[in-house]
C-alpha atoms as a PDB file:
ATOM      1  CA  MET A   1     240.210 106.520   4.282  1.00  0.00           C
ATOM      2  CA  GLY A   2     239.236 109.817   5.787  1.00  0.00           C
ATOM      3  CA  LYS A   3     235.658 109.766   6.967  1.00  0.00           C
ATOM      4  CA  TRP A   4     234.492 111.963   3.596  1.00  0.00           C
ATOM      5  CA  HIS A   5     235.849 109.441   1.508  1.00  0.00           C
ATOM      6  CA  ARG A   6     234.384 106.328   3.332  1.00  0.00           C
ATOM      7  CA  PHE A   7     231.034 107.727   3.457  1.00  0.00           C
ATOM      8  CA  PHE A   8     230.921 108.310  -0.294  1.00  0.00           C
ATOM      9  CA  PHE A   9     232.646 105.267  -1.141  1.00  0.00           C
ATOM     10  CA  SER A  10     230.681 102.874   0.946  1.00  0.00           C
ATOM     11  CA  THR A  11     227.436 104.666  -0.079  1.00  0.00           C
ATOM     12  CA  ALA A  12     228.634 103.817  -3.847  1.00  0.00           C
ATOM     13  CA  LYS A  13     229.004 100.269  -3.259  1.00  0.00           C
ATOM     14  CA  ASN A  14     226.642  99.424  -0.484  1.00  0.00           C
ATOM     15  CA  ALA A  15     223.569 101.412  -1.557  1.00  0.00           C
ATOM     16  CA  SER A  16     224.466 103.410  -4.660  1.00  0.00           C
ATOM     17  CA  HIS A  17     220.679 104.536  -5.122  1.00  0.00           C
ATOM     18  CA  LEU A  18     221.630 106.729  -2.009  1.00  0.00           C
ATOM     19  CA  LEU A  19     224.311 108.337  -3.500  1.00  0.00           C
ATOM     20  CA  LYS A  20     222.953 111.333  -5.130  1.00  0.00           C
ATOM     21  CA  PHE A  21     221.298 112.038  -1.529  1.00  0.00           C
ATOM     22  CA  THR A  22     224.393 111.878  -0.013  1.00  0.00           C
ATOM     23  CA  THR A  23     226.222 113.791  -2.306  1.00  0.00           C
ATOM     24  CA  LYS A  24     223.185 116.699  -2.111  1.00  0.00           C
ATOM     25  CA  ALA A  25     223.705 116.333   1.771  1.00  0.00           C
ATOM     26  CA  ALA A  26     227.623 117.269   1.464  1.00  0.00           C
ATOM     27  CA  VAL A  27     226.560 120.112  -0.934  1.00  0.00           C
ATOM     28  CA  THR A  28     224.062 121.540   1.689  1.00  0.00           C
ATOM     29  CA  MET A  29     226.632 121.132   4.197  1.00  0.00           C
ATOM     30  CA  ALA A  30     229.062 123.138   2.182  1.00  0.00           C
ATOM     31  CA  LYS A  31     226.688 125.855   1.797  1.00  0.00           C
ATOM     32  CA  ARG A  32     225.929 125.965   5.512  1.00  0.00           C
ATOM     33  CA  ILE A  33     229.325 126.065   6.707  1.00  0.00           C
ATOM     34  CA  GLY A  34     231.169 127.548   3.690  1.00  0.00           C
ATOM     35  CA  VAL A  35     233.242 126.137   0.821  1.00  0.00           C
ATOM     36  CA  LYS A  36     236.460 127.135   2.533  1.00  0.00           C
ATOM     37  CA  GLU A  37     235.554 125.295   5.560  1.00  0.00           C
ATOM     38  CA  MET A  38     234.517 122.298   3.625  1.00  0.00           C
ATOM     39  CA  PHE A  39     237.950 122.150   2.056  1.00  0.00           C
ATOM     40  CA  ARG A  40     239.534 122.255   5.796  1.00  0.00           C
ATOM     41  CA  GLN A  41     237.695 119.240   6.756  1.00  0.00           C
ATOM     42  CA  MET A  42     237.801 116.808   3.687  1.00  0.00           C
ATOM     43  CA  PRO A  43     241.526 116.096   3.775  1.00  0.00           C
ATOM     44  CA  GLN A  44     241.833 115.703   7.378  1.00  0.00           C
ATOM     45  CA  ASN A  45     243.660 112.362   7.186  1.00  0.00           C
ATOM     46  CA  SER A  46     246.205 113.817   4.678  1.00  0.00           C
ATOM     47  CA  PRO A  47     248.727 116.507   6.681  1.00  0.00           C
ATOM     48  CA  THR A  48     250.270 117.336   3.172  1.00  0.00           C
ATOM     49  CA  ASP A  49     246.680 118.343   1.761  1.00  0.00           C
ATOM     50  CA  MET A  50     246.480 120.171   5.086  1.00  0.00           C
ATOM     51  CA  ARG A  51     249.592 122.284   4.174  1.00  0.00           C
ATOM     52  CA  VAL A  52     248.471 123.033   0.473  1.00  0.00           C
ATOM     53  CA  LEU A  53     245.444 124.639   1.692  1.00  0.00           C
ATOM     54  CA  GLN A  54     247.660 126.932   4.013  1.00  0.00           C
ATOM     55  CA  ASP A  55     248.488 128.639   0.646  1.00  0.00           C
ATOM     56  CA  ALA A  56     246.371 131.699   0.703  1.00  0.00           C
ATOM     57  CA  GLU A  57     246.667 131.849  -3.299  1.00  0.00           C
ATOM     58  CA  LEU A  58     245.853 128.622  -3.950  1.00  0.00           C
ATOM     59  CA  MET A  59     243.015 128.366  -1.589  1.00  0.00           C
ATOM     60  CA  ALA A  60     241.475 131.508  -2.928  1.00  0.00           C
ATOM     61  CA  VAL A  61     241.511 129.598  -6.427  1.00  0.00           C
ATOM     62  CA  LEU A  62     239.989 126.606  -5.182  1.00  0.00           C
ATOM     63  CA  VAL A  63     237.251 128.562  -3.374  1.00  0.00           C
ATOM     64  CA  ALA A  64     236.146 130.404  -6.466  1.00  0.00           C
ATOM     65  CA  ASN A  65     236.053 127.231  -8.589  1.00  0.00           C
ATOM     66  CA  ALA A  66     234.045 125.553  -5.777  1.00  0.00           C
ATOM     67  CA  GLU A  67     231.584 127.937  -4.929  1.00  0.00           C
ATOM     68  CA  PRO A  68     229.494 127.953  -7.971  1.00  0.00           C
ATOM     69  CA  VAL A  69     229.156 123.937  -6.615  1.00  0.00           C
ATOM     70  CA  ALA A  70     227.759 125.093  -3.340  1.00  0.00           C
ATOM     71  CA  GLY A  71     225.933 128.213  -4.586  1.00  0.00           C
ATOM     72  CA  LYS A  72     222.110 128.573  -3.757  1.00  0.00           C
ATOM     73  CA  ASP A  73     220.767 127.847  -7.215  1.00  0.00           C
ATOM     74  CA  THR A  74     222.718 124.781  -8.134  1.00  0.00           C
ATOM     75  CA  ASN A  75     222.068 121.443  -8.121  1.00  0.00           C
ATOM     76  CA  VAL A  76     225.457 119.320  -8.715  1.00  0.00           C
ATOM     77  CA  ALA A  77     224.807 116.259  -6.741  1.00  0.00           C
ATOM     78  CA  GLN A  78     224.412 113.996 -10.299  1.00  0.00           C
ATOM     79  CA  ALA A  79     227.977 114.771 -11.515  1.00  0.00           C
ATOM     80  CA  PRO A  80     229.940 114.033  -8.397  1.00  0.00           C
ATOM     81  CA  SER A  81     227.502 111.121  -8.050  1.00  0.00           C
ATOM     82  CA  MET A  82     228.609 109.361 -11.315  1.00  0.00           C
ATOM     83  CA  GLU A  83     232.172 110.382 -10.790  1.00  0.00           C
ATOM     84  CA  ILE A  84     232.247 108.428  -7.536  1.00  0.00           C
ATOM     85  CA  LEU A  85     230.340 105.429  -9.257  1.00  0.00           C
ATOM     86  CA  ALA A  86     232.946 105.523 -11.733  1.00  0.00           C
ATOM     87  CA  THR A  87     235.641 105.805  -9.850  1.00  0.00           C
ATOM     88  CA  ASP A  88     234.260 102.678  -7.581  1.00  0.00           C
ATOM     89  CA  ALA A  89     233.893 100.586 -10.771  1.00  0.00           C
ATOM     90  CA  ASP A  90     235.878  97.604 -11.780  1.00  0.00           C
ATOM     91  CA  TRP A  91     238.145  98.931 -14.218  1.00  0.00           C
ATOM     92  CA  SER A  92     240.101  95.790 -14.723  1.00  0.00           C
ATOM     93  CA  ASP A  93     238.709  94.595 -18.030  1.00  0.00           C
ATOM     94  CA  LEU A  94     239.336  98.077 -19.738  1.00  0.00           C
ATOM     95  CA  ILE A  95     243.002  98.223 -18.145  1.00  0.00           C
ATOM     96  CA  LEU A  96     243.881  94.714 -19.999  1.00  0.00           C
ATOM     97  CA  GLN A  97     242.426  96.104 -22.971  1.00  0.00           C
ATOM     98  CA  CYS A  98     244.920  98.917 -22.892  1.00  0.00           C
ATOM     99  CA  ARG A  99     247.775  96.770 -22.194  1.00  0.00           C
ATOM    100  CA  GLY A 100     249.776  98.055 -25.005  1.00  0.00           C
ATOM    101  CA  THR A 101     249.392 101.643 -24.083  1.00  0.00           C
ATOM    102  CA  LYS A 102     251.952 103.188 -21.637  1.00  0.00           C
ATOM    103  CA  MET A 103     250.248 104.234 -18.581  1.00  0.00           C
ATOM    104  CA  TYR A 104     250.970 105.913 -15.606  1.00  0.00           C
ATOM    105  CA  LEU A 105     249.691 105.871 -12.178  1.00  0.00           C
ATOM    106  CA  VAL A 106     250.704 108.683  -9.702  1.00  0.00           C
ATOM    107  CA  ASN A 107     249.687 108.602  -6.335  1.00  0.00           C
ATOM    108  CA  GLY A 108     250.178 110.284  -3.118  1.00  0.00           C
ATOM    109  CA  ALA A 109     250.939 108.207  -0.052  1.00  0.00           C
ATOM    110  CA  GLN A 110     248.537 110.402   1.899  1.00  0.00           C
ATOM    111  CA  ASP A 111     245.486 110.349  -0.429  1.00  0.00           C
ATOM    112  CA  PRO A 112     242.474 109.600   1.953  1.00  0.00           C
ATOM    113  CA  SER A 113     240.768 108.308  -0.803  1.00  0.00           C
ATOM    114  CA  MET A 114     243.103 105.646  -1.469  1.00  0.00           C
ATOM    115  CA  ASP A 115     244.697 102.436   0.684  1.00  0.00           C
ATOM    116  CA  VAL A 116     248.391 102.784  -0.229  1.00  0.00           C
ATOM    117  CA  ALA A 117     248.585  99.026   0.336  1.00  0.00           C
ATOM    118  CA  THR A 118     246.464  98.330  -2.724  1.00  0.00           C
ATOM    119  CA  ILE A 119     249.578  99.836  -4.788  1.00  0.00           C
ATOM    120  CA  ALA A 120     251.330  96.381  -4.679  1.00  0.00           C
ATOM    121  CA  GLU A 121     248.377  94.654  -5.828  1.00  0.00           C
ATOM    122  CA  TYR A 122     247.986  96.796  -8.565  1.00  0.00           C
ATOM    123  CA  ARG A 123     251.699  96.615  -9.500  1.00  0.00           C
ATOM    124  CA  GLU A 124     251.231  92.743  -9.459  1.00  0.00           C
ATOM    125  CA  ALA A 125     248.053  92.663 -11.601  1.00  0.00           C
ATOM    126  CA  TYR A 126     249.312  95.238 -13.888  1.00  0.00           C
ATOM    127  CA  PRO A 127     253.297  95.316 -14.432  1.00  0.00           C
ATOM    128  CA  TRP A 128     252.966  96.930 -17.415  1.00  0.00           C
ATOM    129  CA  ILE A 129     251.909 100.052 -15.590  1.00  0.00           C
ATOM    130  CA  ASP A 130     254.524 102.697 -14.481  1.00  0.00           C
ATOM    131  CA  ILE A 131     253.202 103.290 -10.687  1.00  0.00           C
ATOM    132  CA  ASP A 132     254.687 106.094  -8.695  1.00  0.00           C
ATOM    133  CA  VAL A 133     253.795 106.851  -5.050  1.00  0.00           C
ATOM    134  CA  ILE A 134     255.012 110.333  -3.754  1.00  0.00           C
ATOM    135  CA  PRO A 135     255.507 110.165  -0.183  1.00  0.00           C
ATOM    136  CA  ASN A 136     254.933 114.001   0.651  1.00  0.00           C
ATOM    137  CA  ALA A 137     251.683 113.992  -1.354  1.00  0.00           C
ATOM    138  CA  GLY A 138     248.089 113.788  -0.889  1.00  0.00           C
ATOM    139  CA  GLN A 139     245.022 113.881  -3.204  1.00  0.00           C
ATOM    140  CA  MET A 140     246.034 117.378  -4.263  1.00  0.00           C
ATOM    141  CA  LEU A 141     249.295 115.817  -5.692  1.00  0.00           C
ATOM    142  CA  ILE A 142     248.848 118.012  -8.708  1.00  0.00           C
ATOM    143  CA  TYR A 143     249.532 121.515  -6.834  1.00  0.00           C
ATOM    144  CA  GLN A 144     252.118 119.824  -4.471  1.00  0.00           C
ATOM    145  CA  HIS A 145     254.252 118.092  -7.076  1.00  0.00           C
ATOM    146  CA  TYR A 146     253.329 119.655 -10.417  1.00  0.00           C
ATOM    147  CA  ASP A 147     256.816 119.251 -11.423  1.00  0.00           C
ATOM    148  CA  ALA A 148     256.764 115.510 -11.134  1.00  0.00           C
ATOM    149  CA  VAL A 149     253.255 115.117 -12.694  1.00  0.00           C
ATOM    150  CA  ILE A 150     253.146 117.898 -15.485  1.00  0.00           C
ATOM    151  CA  PRO A 151     256.119 116.520 -17.784  1.00  0.00           C
ATOM    152  CA  ARG A 152     254.120 113.415 -17.689  1.00  0.00           C
ATOM    153  CA  ILE A 153     250.932 114.951 -18.985  1.00  0.00           C
ATOM    154  CA  ALA A 154     252.994 116.746 -21.614  1.00  0.00           C
ATOM    155  CA  GLN A 155     254.604 113.525 -22.774  1.00  0.00           C
ATOM    156  CA  ALA A 156     251.038 111.769 -23.221  1.00  0.00           C
ATOM    157  CA  ALA A 157     249.953 114.532 -24.989  1.00  0.00           C
ATOM    158  CA  ARG A 158     252.868 114.547 -27.337  1.00  0.00           C
ATOM    159  CA  ASN A 159     252.375 111.011 -28.152  1.00  0.00           C
ATOM    160  CA  VAL A 160     248.536 111.160 -29.134  1.00  0.00           C
END
């Protein structure tokens, strides 16, 4: 995991009462150094994500969407804190309840928030889930390999 991901996930796991504070600290840092620089620092362990950020058009979109988060009058610490806590929660009961539903897990091998070694554990625990690991992808998988991901999303939408 990258240092940012370790920072947030270890706080969620070991000191969840401090997670809102750590999220506020990250937002404050983004305000200080700028959203673009924050984007450059977060995926340091993912060369693929770093290459994605070199696309000027995509970077402009990411920055435009993230700037309101780091605005002078915003306080968004609660939402990311809740997302991190939900991500770190034990989802195994919910996944077992959905056993009859076709599921996909698509993960980038360079995603700094995930240890790819756990994929084998997931495959063993949940053999009905179609799990793909894309080697040349990171957390920004949707921008890197949209041609592999969007057809699955479209198929899932048609099946609803």
